Amino acid sequence: TIRAPDGIPIVNYDYINGTAIRIFWNISTSFVNGYIINITSSNLTTITHQVNNESVTEFVVSGLLRERDYIIEVRGYYDLLGAPGYVTARLQSPIIGINGTLLSVTSNFR
C-alpha cells in the first residue's frame, strides 16, 4: 500500500539573526520517513531541502535577504508527500542600533 502522512506539520520558528531563522515542527502521525522543506522568496525562487530522517524536526534557514517575503513550507513524506504546514517571514531593513530585526513571522496552514 502506498501511503502519505495523514498529519499536517505544525511549523514554528526562532529568530537567529538578520539573515537566518530556525524552523522546527511536529507532526501527529507515525507514518513519516522524512521531510521536504521548500523555501520560496517573493521573487518566486524556490530552494528545496530534503531531510531523510523522521526524527530530525528542525532546520536553519540562512541567507535570507531583508525586505523580501519568504514562505517556508514543511511536508512529511512516507511513500508520497503529505499536506504542508508553513511559516511566512519577512526581515526588516536595519534600524539604527538594531541589526536586522524580524518584522513579522506568522504560522498557518495551507
C-alpha atoms as a PDB file:
ATOM      1  CA  THR A   1       0.000   0.000   0.000  1.00  0.00           C
ATOM      2  CA  ILE A   2       1.338   3.423  -0.944  1.00  0.00           C
ATOM      3  CA  ARG A   3       0.832   5.944   1.856  1.00  0.00           C
ATOM      4  CA  ALA A   4       1.240   9.619   2.575  1.00  0.00           C
ATOM      5  CA  PRO A   5       1.444  11.042   6.106  1.00  0.00           C
ATOM      6  CA  ASP A   6      -2.013  11.912   7.391  1.00  0.00           C
ATOM      7  CA  GLY A   7      -0.869  14.685   9.768  1.00  0.00           C
ATOM      8  CA  ILE A   8      -0.091  18.297   8.912  1.00  0.00           C
ATOM      9  CA  PRO A   9       3.205  19.652  10.282  1.00  0.00           C
ATOM     10  CA  ILE A  10       2.773  22.487  12.768  1.00  0.00           C
ATOM     11  CA  VAL A  11       5.690  24.811  11.998  1.00  0.00           C
ATOM     12  CA  ASN A  12       7.213  27.351  14.408  1.00  0.00           C
ATOM     13  CA  TYR A  13      10.390  29.433  14.378  1.00  0.00           C
ATOM     14  CA  ASP A  14      13.161  31.061  16.395  1.00  0.00           C
ATOM     15  CA  TYR A  15      14.813  34.252  15.179  1.00  0.00           C
ATOM     16  CA  ILE A  16      18.592  33.778  14.937  1.00  0.00           C
ATOM     17  CA  ASN A  17      19.882  36.969  13.306  1.00  0.00           C
ATOM     18  CA  GLY A  18      19.235  39.397  10.438  1.00  0.00           C
ATOM     19  CA  THR A  19      19.604  36.706   7.785  1.00  0.00           C
ATOM     20  CA  ALA A  20      18.560  33.432   9.470  1.00  0.00           C
ATOM     21  CA  ILE A  21      15.737  31.752  11.343  1.00  0.00           C
ATOM     22  CA  ARG A  22      15.478  28.250  12.825  1.00  0.00           C
ATOM     23  CA  ILE A  23      12.269  26.454  11.957  1.00  0.00           C
ATOM     24  CA  PHE A  24      11.003  23.477  13.902  1.00  0.00           C
ATOM     25  CA  TRP A  25       7.896  21.381  13.586  1.00  0.00           C
ATOM     26  CA  ASN A  26       5.894  18.472  14.885  1.00  0.00           C
ATOM     27  CA  ILE A  27       3.542  16.174  13.067  1.00  0.00           C
ATOM     28  CA  SER A  28       0.918  13.899  14.593  1.00  0.00           C
ATOM     29  CA  THR A  29       1.469  10.734  12.599  1.00  0.00           C
ATOM     30  CA  SER A  30       3.721   7.714  12.844  1.00  0.00           C
ATOM     31  CA  PHE A  31       3.981   7.306   9.059  1.00  0.00           C
ATOM     32  CA  VAL A  32       6.863   9.658   8.212  1.00  0.00           C
ATOM     33  CA  ASN A  33      10.185   8.718   6.628  1.00  0.00           C
ATOM     34  CA  GLY A  34      11.462  12.305   6.337  1.00  0.00           C
ATOM     35  CA  TYR A  35      10.588  15.848   5.326  1.00  0.00           C
ATOM     36  CA  ILE A  36      10.740  18.127   2.308  1.00  0.00           C
ATOM     37  CA  ILE A  37      11.403  21.811   3.053  1.00  0.00           C
ATOM     38  CA  ASN A  38      10.606  24.381   0.347  1.00  0.00           C
ATOM     39  CA  ILE A  39      11.818  27.951   0.819  1.00  0.00           C
ATOM     40  CA  THR A  40      10.138  30.336  -1.626  1.00  0.00           C
ATOM     41  CA  SER A  41      11.069  34.019  -1.770  1.00  0.00           C
ATOM     42  CA  SER A  42       8.924  36.882  -3.006  1.00  0.00           C
ATOM     43  CA  ASN A  43      10.743  36.772  -6.359  1.00  0.00           C
ATOM     44  CA  LEU A  44       9.324  33.205  -6.738  1.00  0.00           C
ATOM     45  CA  THR A  45      12.684  31.464  -6.383  1.00  0.00           C
ATOM     46  CA  THR A  46      12.268  28.154  -4.543  1.00  0.00           C
ATOM     47  CA  ILE A  47      15.026  26.173  -2.843  1.00  0.00           C
ATOM     48  CA  THR A  48      14.217  22.623  -1.738  1.00  0.00           C
ATOM     49  CA  HIS A  49      15.929  20.667   1.033  1.00  0.00           C
ATOM     50  CA  GLN A  50      15.267  17.043   1.904  1.00  0.00           C
ATOM     51  CA  VAL A  51      15.621  15.647   5.439  1.00  0.00           C
ATOM     52  CA  ASN A  52      15.900  11.857   5.258  1.00  0.00           C
ATOM     53  CA  ASN A  53      15.304  11.195   8.930  1.00  0.00           C
ATOM     54  CA  GLU A  54      11.909  11.228  10.648  1.00  0.00           C
ATOM     55  CA  SER A  55      13.468  12.199  13.996  1.00  0.00           C
ATOM     56  CA  VAL A  56      15.015  15.439  12.650  1.00  0.00           C
ATOM     57  CA  THR A  57      12.382  18.133  13.186  1.00  0.00           C
ATOM     58  CA  GLU A  58      14.325  21.374  12.851  1.00  0.00           C
ATOM     59  CA  PHE A  59      16.203  23.225  10.145  1.00  0.00           C
ATOM     60  CA  VAL A  60      18.132  26.517   9.968  1.00  0.00           C
ATOM     61  CA  VAL A  61      17.105  28.730   7.056  1.00  0.00           C
ATOM     62  CA  SER A  62      20.002  31.094   6.365  1.00  0.00           C
ATOM     63  CA  GLY A  63      20.947  33.560   3.652  1.00  0.00           C
ATOM     64  CA  LEU A  64      17.620  35.406   3.881  1.00  0.00           C
ATOM     65  CA  LEU A  65      17.557  38.901   2.406  1.00  0.00           C
ATOM     66  CA  ARG A  66      15.966  41.895   4.075  1.00  0.00           C
ATOM     67  CA  GLU A  67      12.794  43.403   2.618  1.00  0.00           C
ATOM     68  CA  ARG A  68      11.870  40.119   0.971  1.00  0.00           C
ATOM     69  CA  ASP A  69       8.988  37.830   1.902  1.00  0.00           C
ATOM     70  CA  TYR A  70       9.589  34.101   2.369  1.00  0.00           C
ATOM     71  CA  ILE A  71       7.286  31.143   2.694  1.00  0.00           C
ATOM     72  CA  ILE A  72       8.925  28.139   4.332  1.00  0.00           C
ATOM     73  CA  GLU A  73       6.869  25.004   3.763  1.00  0.00           C
ATOM     74  CA  VAL A  74       7.415  21.669   5.506  1.00  0.00           C
ATOM     75  CA  ARG A  75       5.867  18.451   4.200  1.00  0.00           C
ATOM     76  CA  GLY A  76       6.315  14.999   5.648  1.00  0.00           C
ATOM     77  CA  TYR A  77       6.659  12.041   3.320  1.00  0.00           C
ATOM     78  CA  TYR A  78       6.261   8.310   3.601  1.00  0.00           C
ATOM     79  CA  ASP A  79       5.807   6.921   0.094  1.00  0.00           C
ATOM     80  CA  LEU A  80       4.091  10.142  -1.033  1.00  0.00           C
ATOM     81  CA  LEU A  81       4.141  13.737   0.232  1.00  0.00           C
ATOM     82  CA  GLY A  82       1.665  14.700   2.925  1.00  0.00           C
ATOM     83  CA  ALA A  83      -0.167  18.001   3.438  1.00  0.00           C
ATOM     84  CA  PRO A  84       2.030  21.082   4.014  1.00  0.00           C
ATOM     85  CA  GLY A  85       2.471  23.199   7.099  1.00  0.00           C
ATOM     86  CA  TYR A  86       4.252  26.529   6.668  1.00  0.00           C
ATOM     87  CA  VAL A  87       5.613  29.672   8.230  1.00  0.00           C
ATOM     88  CA  THR A  88       5.972  33.053   6.490  1.00  0.00           C
ATOM     89  CA  ALA A  89       8.762  35.528   7.261  1.00  0.00           C
ATOM     90  CA  ARG A  90       9.912  39.000   6.280  1.00  0.00           C
ATOM     91  CA  LEU A  91      13.095  40.595   7.570  1.00  0.00           C
ATOM     92  CA  GLN A  92      13.134  44.350   8.092  1.00  0.00           C
ATOM     93  CA  SER A  93      15.951  46.624   6.944  1.00  0.00           C
ATOM     94  CA  PRO A  94      18.373  47.582   9.701  1.00  0.00           C
ATOM     95  CA  ILE A  95      17.220  50.272  12.115  1.00  0.00           C
ATOM     96  CA  ILE A  96      19.827  52.476  13.837  1.00  0.00           C
ATOM     97  CA  GLY A  97      21.149  50.435  16.761  1.00  0.00           C
ATOM     98  CA  ILE A  98      19.291  47.277  15.719  1.00  0.00           C
ATOM     99  CA  ASN A  99      20.778  44.984  13.087  1.00  0.00           C
ATOM    100  CA  GLY A 100      18.125  43.136  11.103  1.00  0.00           C
ATOM    101  CA  THR A 101      15.124  42.890  13.387  1.00  0.00           C
ATOM    102  CA  LEU A 102      12.378  40.465  12.487  1.00  0.00           C
ATOM    103  CA  LEU A 103       9.392  42.360  11.119  1.00  0.00           C
ATOM    104  CA  SER A 104       6.828  39.583  11.122  1.00  0.00           C
ATOM    105  CA  VAL A 105       6.540  35.858  11.295  1.00  0.00           C
ATOM    106  CA  THR A 106       3.256  34.002  11.332  1.00  0.00           C
ATOM    107  CA  SER A 107       2.486  30.337  11.161  1.00  0.00           C
ATOM    108  CA  ASN A 108      -0.518  28.874   9.467  1.00  0.00           C
ATOM    109  CA  PHE A 109      -1.797  26.011   7.387  1.00  0.00           C
ATOM    110  CA  ARG A 110      -2.445  25.994   3.671  1.00  0.00           C
END
